Amino acid sequence: MVFREGDGSMGRVEGKVALVTGAARGQGRSHALRLAQEGADVVVLDACTEIDSVPYPLPTEVELKETEALVAATGRRVLARTADVRSQEQLDAVVDEALAEFGHIDIVAANAGIVGFRPTWELSDTEWQDMLDVNLTGAFHTVKAVVPAMIEAGRGGSIVITSSIQAMLGSANIAHYNASKSGVMGLMRTLAAELGPHGIRVNTVNPSAVETPMLLNEATFRIFGPDLENPGPDDLWERSKNRNPMGVGWLSAAHLSNAVLFLASDEAQYITGVALPVDMGVRL
């Protein structure tokens, strides 16, 4: 990824402050970097802890520090903190610190999320609840922590919540994930109605498969290749690409970050209440 140097040119979110959850790696890291490249100072946070019901390793504090260093290398200011979106108290504390440091928050990328795979009737209560707690309640906690200060500042702003193309479709083995990401879309629409009078726009991005550790792990390989002895990335690519008319196995995180940047920028000043598919046509 190419970083913007301090060449004096104005970026698309110059002078703004962005808060990104789930930023230690994957889409969150990519969003933070893209927003910084276009002029935003960035608050990055991640829980950096394992969840027993999640079938792949979750981000670490080392990865969060790597994100912090990459954002700092763009020349923008960055505040990195460990915080779990399941905790309102932890999010409130980060937002308070960010406001003390930067004075305002203009952009929110509520991106933190997990995934898992199992037939609906085999899901444990823990698997169900963990998914909703991170993906849906985590988004609620994020906006609840940030919105009062955004309204008080009177600067307007943009909130972009990561949903999924699965919220527009129906696929087997992800009922808890689909329920959480569909709930995110309902939350987004209500927030768009509530915050429009304050000049704060609220949208979701709805990606299909994205090249991150959330996708490229043993659990995903197995669900897409149950008939294979040792399924891997190449097998996943071949089977995934047949699900869309563009014949692409998955997106890069940067493709989603460009969509987040657009929705965060003034170019999208009258776009609110929208679920934006970035899916290579999977939904067709």
Protein backbone atom coordinates (compact mmCIF):
# COMPACT_ATOMS: atom_id res chain seq x y z
CA MET A 1 0.00 0.00 0.00
CA VAL A 2 1.35 3.43 -0.93
CA PHE A 3 1.35 6.04 1.82
CA ARG A 4 0.57 9.71 1.36
CA GLU A 5 3.53 11.89 2.23
CA GLY A 6 3.19 15.40 3.60
CA ASP A 7 3.25 17.14 0.24
CA GLY A 8 0.88 19.92 1.26
CA SER A 9 -2.03 18.69 -0.85
CA MET A 10 -5.46 18.49 0.71
CA GLY A 11 -6.82 15.03 1.41
CA ARG A 12 -10.46 14.03 1.15
CA VAL A 13 -10.86 13.93 4.95
CA GLU A 14 -8.27 16.58 5.82
CA GLY A 15 -8.72 18.09 9.28
CA LYS A 16 -11.03 15.34 10.47
CA VAL A 17 -10.60 12.77 13.22
CA ALA A 18 -11.63 9.16 12.67
CA LEU A 19 -12.24 6.38 15.17
CA VAL A 20 -11.82 2.82 13.88
CA THR A 21 -12.72 -0.31 15.86
CA GLY A 22 -11.26 -3.72 15.13
CA ALA A 23 -8.18 -1.92 13.85
CA ALA A 24 -5.36 -4.28 14.80
CA ARG A 25 -5.42 -5.99 11.39
CA GLY A 26 -7.58 -6.76 8.36
CA GLN A 27 -10.25 -4.31 7.27
CA GLY A 28 -9.88 -2.13 10.36
CA ARG A 29 -6.18 -1.57 9.81
CA SER A 30 -6.81 -0.87 6.13
CA HIS A 31 -9.56 1.65 6.94
CA ALA A 32 -7.34 3.46 9.44
CA LEU A 33 -4.49 3.72 6.93
CA ARG A 34 -6.71 4.87 4.09
CA LEU A 35 -8.31 7.59 6.18
CA ALA A 36 -4.90 8.73 7.43
CA GLN A 37 -3.56 8.83 3.87
CA GLU A 38 -6.36 11.24 3.05
CA GLY A 39 -5.63 13.57 5.95
CA ALA A 40 -7.45 12.29 9.03
CA ASP A 41 -5.97 11.82 12.47
CA VAL A 42 -7.00 8.38 13.68
CA VAL A 43 -8.03 6.63 16.88
CA VAL A 44 -7.49 2.88 16.53
CA LEU A 45 -8.70 0.29 18.98
CA ASP A 46 -9.05 -3.46 19.25
CA ALA A 47 -9.82 -5.91 22.05
CA CYS A 48 -6.64 -7.92 21.44
CA THR A 49 -8.03 -10.89 23.34
CA GLU A 50 -9.22 -14.35 22.40
CA ILE A 51 -12.88 -15.43 22.47
CA ASP A 52 -13.27 -19.15 23.07
CA SER A 53 -16.18 -19.59 20.65
CA VAL A 54 -14.30 -18.05 17.70
CA PRO A 55 -12.63 -20.76 15.57
CA TYR A 56 -9.53 -18.79 14.55
CA PRO A 57 -6.90 -16.65 16.36
CA LEU A 58 -7.96 -13.08 17.07
CA PRO A 59 -5.69 -9.99 16.82
CA THR A 60 -2.92 -9.29 19.30
CA GLU A 61 -1.50 -6.17 20.92
CA VAL A 62 1.57 -6.60 18.71
CA GLU A 63 -0.65 -6.27 15.64
CA LEU A 64 -2.35 -3.18 17.09
CA LYS A 65 1.06 -1.60 17.62
CA GLU A 66 1.90 -2.40 13.99
CA THR A 67 -1.25 -0.55 12.91
CA GLU A 68 -0.25 2.39 15.11
CA ALA A 69 3.18 2.54 13.50
CA LEU A 70 1.79 2.30 9.97
CA VAL A 71 -0.66 5.14 10.60
CA ALA A 72 2.05 7.27 12.19
CA ALA A 73 4.22 6.69 9.11
CA THR A 74 1.66 8.60 7.03
CA GLY A 75 2.42 11.71 9.05
CA ARG A 76 -0.95 11.81 10.81
CA ARG A 77 -1.49 11.67 14.55
CA VAL A 78 -2.68 8.38 15.97
CA LEU A 79 -4.03 7.20 19.32
CA ALA A 80 -4.01 3.40 19.77
CA ARG A 81 -5.74 1.68 22.67
CA THR A 82 -6.88 -1.81 23.60
CA ALA A 83 -10.64 -1.75 24.19
CA ASP A 84 -13.34 -4.38 23.81
CA VAL A 85 -16.47 -3.22 21.99
CA ARG A 86 -18.49 -5.50 24.27
CA SER A 87 -17.72 -3.05 27.10
CA GLN A 88 -19.42 0.34 27.07
CA GLU A 89 -17.13 1.48 29.86
CA GLN A 90 -13.98 0.72 27.85
CA LEU A 91 -15.30 2.48 24.75
CA ASP A 92 -16.40 5.51 26.72
CA ALA A 93 -12.91 5.78 28.21
CA VAL A 94 -11.21 5.67 24.79
CA VAL A 95 -13.61 8.27 23.37
CA ASP A 96 -13.01 10.57 26.36
CA GLU A 97 -9.25 10.27 25.84
CA ALA A 98 -9.60 10.86 22.10
CA LEU A 99 -11.68 14.00 22.65
CA ALA A 100 -9.09 15.30 25.12
CA GLU A 101 -6.33 14.62 22.58
CA PHE A 102 -7.99 15.74 19.32
CA GLY A 103 -10.94 17.88 20.39
CA HIS A 104 -13.55 16.17 18.21
CA ILE A 105 -14.43 12.98 16.33
CA ASP A 106 -15.91 13.31 12.84
CA ILE A 107 -15.75 9.82 11.36
CA VAL A 108 -16.56 6.48 12.93
CA ALA A 109 -15.76 3.15 11.26
CA ALA A 110 -17.49 0.61 13.49
CA ASN A 111 -15.71 -2.38 12.03
CA ALA A 112 -15.00 -4.81 14.88
CA GLY A 113 -16.44 -8.23 14.14
CA ILE A 114 -16.07 -11.99 14.32
CA VAL A 115 -17.42 -14.93 12.31
CA GLY A 116 -18.08 -18.62 12.88
CA PHE A 117 -19.68 -21.54 11.07
CA ARG A 118 -22.16 -24.14 12.29
CA PRO A 119 -25.67 -25.32 11.39
CA THR A 120 -28.23 -23.21 13.23
CA TRP A 121 -29.56 -26.01 15.43
CA GLU A 122 -26.05 -26.95 16.51
CA LEU A 123 -25.08 -23.47 17.72
CA SER A 124 -24.44 -23.17 21.43
CA ASP A 125 -25.91 -20.30 23.41
CA THR A 126 -22.35 -19.03 23.88
CA GLU A 127 -21.59 -19.00 20.16
CA TRP A 128 -24.84 -17.15 19.46
CA GLN A 129 -24.35 -14.60 22.23
CA ASP A 130 -20.67 -13.92 21.54
CA MET A 131 -21.49 -13.17 17.90
CA LEU A 132 -24.25 -10.72 18.77
CA ASP A 133 -22.22 -9.15 21.58
CA VAL A 134 -19.28 -8.31 19.29
CA ASN A 135 -20.93 -7.63 15.93
CA LEU A 136 -24.20 -5.97 16.91
CA THR A 137 -23.96 -4.79 20.50
CA GLY A 138 -20.37 -3.71 19.80
CA ALA A 139 -21.61 -1.39 17.04
CA PHE A 140 -24.29 -0.05 19.39
CA HIS A 141 -21.71 0.61 22.12
CA THR A 142 -19.45 2.37 19.62
CA VAL A 143 -22.07 4.82 18.39
CA LYS A 144 -23.42 5.35 21.90
CA ALA A 145 -19.93 6.34 23.04
CA VAL A 146 -19.27 8.76 20.17
CA VAL A 147 -22.61 10.28 19.08
CA PRO A 148 -23.21 12.70 22.00
CA ALA A 149 -19.87 14.42 21.38
CA MET A 150 -20.49 14.51 17.63
CA ILE A 151 -23.85 16.20 18.16
CA GLU A 152 -22.40 18.66 20.68
CA ALA A 153 -19.55 19.60 18.34
CA GLY A 154 -22.01 20.61 15.63
CA ARG A 155 -19.61 19.57 12.87
CA GLY A 156 -21.77 16.87 11.32
CA GLY A 157 -19.94 13.68 10.50
CA SER A 158 -20.13 10.17 9.11
CA ILE A 159 -20.64 6.80 10.75
CA VAL A 160 -19.90 3.71 8.67
CA ILE A 161 -20.77 0.33 10.18
CA THR A 162 -19.43 -2.88 8.70
CA SER A 163 -22.29 -5.22 7.84
CA SER A 164 -22.05 -8.05 5.30
CA ILE A 165 -23.47 -9.09 1.97
CA GLN A 166 -24.87 -12.05 3.91
CA ALA A 167 -27.41 -9.66 5.44
CA MET A 168 -28.85 -9.31 1.93
CA LEU A 169 -28.72 -13.05 1.20
CA GLY A 170 -29.17 -16.34 2.95
CA SER A 171 -26.35 -18.81 3.39
CA ALA A 172 -26.09 -21.97 5.43
CA ASN A 173 -24.09 -22.34 8.64
CA ILE A 174 -23.94 -18.65 9.64
CA ALA A 175 -27.27 -17.89 11.31
CA HIS A 176 -25.66 -16.06 14.23
CA TYR A 177 -23.42 -14.03 11.92
CA ASN A 178 -26.28 -13.21 9.55
CA ALA A 179 -28.53 -12.19 12.44
CA SER A 180 -25.86 -9.86 13.81
CA LYS A 181 -25.09 -8.25 10.45
CA SER A 182 -28.79 -7.89 9.59
CA GLY A 183 -29.27 -6.22 12.97
CA VAL A 184 -26.49 -3.80 12.13
CA MET A 185 -28.44 -2.68 9.06
CA GLY A 186 -31.53 -2.01 11.17
CA LEU A 187 -29.45 -0.05 13.66
CA MET A 188 -27.94 1.97 10.82
CA ARG A 189 -31.33 2.96 9.40
CA THR A 190 -32.65 4.14 12.75
CA LEU A 191 -29.48 6.11 13.45
CA ALA A 192 -29.66 7.71 10.01
CA ALA A 193 -33.17 8.97 10.83
CA GLU A 194 -32.15 10.19 14.27
CA LEU A 195 -28.88 11.85 13.31
CA GLY A 196 -29.79 13.39 9.96
CA PRO A 197 -30.98 16.62 11.60
CA HIS A 198 -27.51 16.96 13.13
CA GLY A 199 -25.76 16.54 9.79
CA ILE A 200 -24.42 13.12 10.78
CA ARG A 201 -24.76 10.49 8.07
CA VAL A 202 -24.96 6.79 8.88
CA ASN A 203 -24.41 3.98 6.36
CA THR A 204 -23.15 0.42 6.19
CA VAL A 205 -20.68 -1.25 3.88
CA ASN A 206 -21.70 -4.79 2.98
CA PRO A 207 -18.71 -6.78 1.73
CA SER A 208 -18.59 -10.28 0.40
CA ALA A 209 -15.44 -12.33 1.02
CA VAL A 210 -12.45 -10.17 2.00
CA GLU A 211 -8.81 -11.26 2.14
CA THR A 212 -8.20 -11.07 5.89
CA PRO A 213 -7.44 -13.61 8.65
CA MET A 214 -11.19 -13.73 9.29
CA LEU A 215 -11.55 -15.43 5.88
CA LEU A 216 -8.24 -17.21 5.38
CA ASN A 217 -8.28 -19.73 8.21
CA GLU A 218 -8.82 -23.44 8.69
CA ALA A 219 -12.47 -23.12 9.76
CA THR A 220 -13.39 -21.28 6.56
CA PHE A 221 -11.45 -23.67 4.36
CA ARG A 222 -13.34 -26.58 5.92
CA ILE A 223 -16.80 -25.07 5.48
CA PHE A 224 -16.14 -24.35 1.79
CA GLY A 225 -14.36 -27.65 1.14
CA PRO A 226 -16.00 -30.32 3.31
CA ASP A 227 -15.30 -32.94 0.67
CA LEU A 228 -11.57 -32.17 0.53
CA GLU A 229 -8.96 -33.78 2.74
CA ASN A 230 -6.80 -30.69 3.24
CA PRO A 231 -8.61 -27.64 1.80
CA GLY A 232 -6.60 -24.44 1.55
CA PRO A 233 -6.63 -20.92 0.06
CA ASP A 234 -6.50 -22.09 -3.55
CA ASP A 235 -9.53 -24.33 -3.03
CA LEU A 236 -11.41 -21.51 -1.32
CA TRP A 237 -10.60 -19.13 -4.20
CA GLU A 238 -11.89 -21.57 -6.80
CA ARG A 239 -15.15 -22.22 -4.98
CA SER A 240 -15.69 -18.65 -3.89
CA LYS A 241 -15.16 -17.16 -7.36
CA ASN A 242 -18.09 -19.16 -8.72
CA ARG A 243 -20.44 -17.28 -6.41
CA ASN A 244 -20.19 -13.98 -8.30
CA PRO A 245 -20.37 -12.90 -11.96
CA MET A 246 -16.95 -11.24 -11.88
CA GLY A 247 -15.18 -14.52 -11.20
CA VAL A 248 -13.12 -13.21 -8.28
CA GLY A 249 -12.54 -15.27 -5.15
CA TRP A 250 -12.32 -12.38 -2.74
CA LEU A 251 -11.71 -8.67 -2.35
CA SER A 252 -8.71 -7.01 -0.77
CA ALA A 253 -9.33 -4.97 2.37
CA ALA A 254 -8.32 -1.88 0.41
CA HIS A 255 -11.41 -2.22 -1.79
CA LEU A 256 -13.58 -1.87 1.31
CA SER A 257 -11.47 0.99 2.63
CA ASN A 258 -12.08 2.97 -0.55
CA ALA A 259 -15.82 2.57 0.03
CA VAL A 260 -15.48 3.64 3.66
CA LEU A 261 -13.42 6.66 2.60
CA PHE A 262 -16.06 7.68 0.08
CA LEU A 263 -18.88 7.43 2.63
CA ALA A 264 -16.77 9.33 5.17
CA SER A 265 -15.90 12.13 2.77
CA ASP A 266 -17.86 15.20 1.73
CA GLU A 267 -18.35 13.55 -1.66
CA ALA A 268 -21.10 11.53 0.05
CA GLN A 269 -22.62 14.48 1.90
CA TYR A 270 -26.22 13.52 1.04
CA ILE A 271 -25.85 9.76 1.26
CA THR A 272 -27.33 8.33 4.45
CA GLY A 273 -29.33 5.28 5.44
CA VAL A 274 -27.70 3.23 2.67
CA ALA A 275 -26.35 -0.33 2.73
CA LEU A 276 -23.55 -0.25 0.14
CA PRO A 277 -22.69 -3.66 -1.35
CA VAL A 278 -19.06 -4.20 -2.23
CA ASP A 279 -19.53 -7.74 -3.41
CA MET A 280 -18.54 -8.34 -7.03
CA GLY A 281 -22.21 -8.94 -7.74
CA VAL A 282 -22.72 -11.87 -5.32
CA ARG A 283 -26.22 -10.63 -4.53
CA LEU A 284 -27.36 -10.76 -8.20
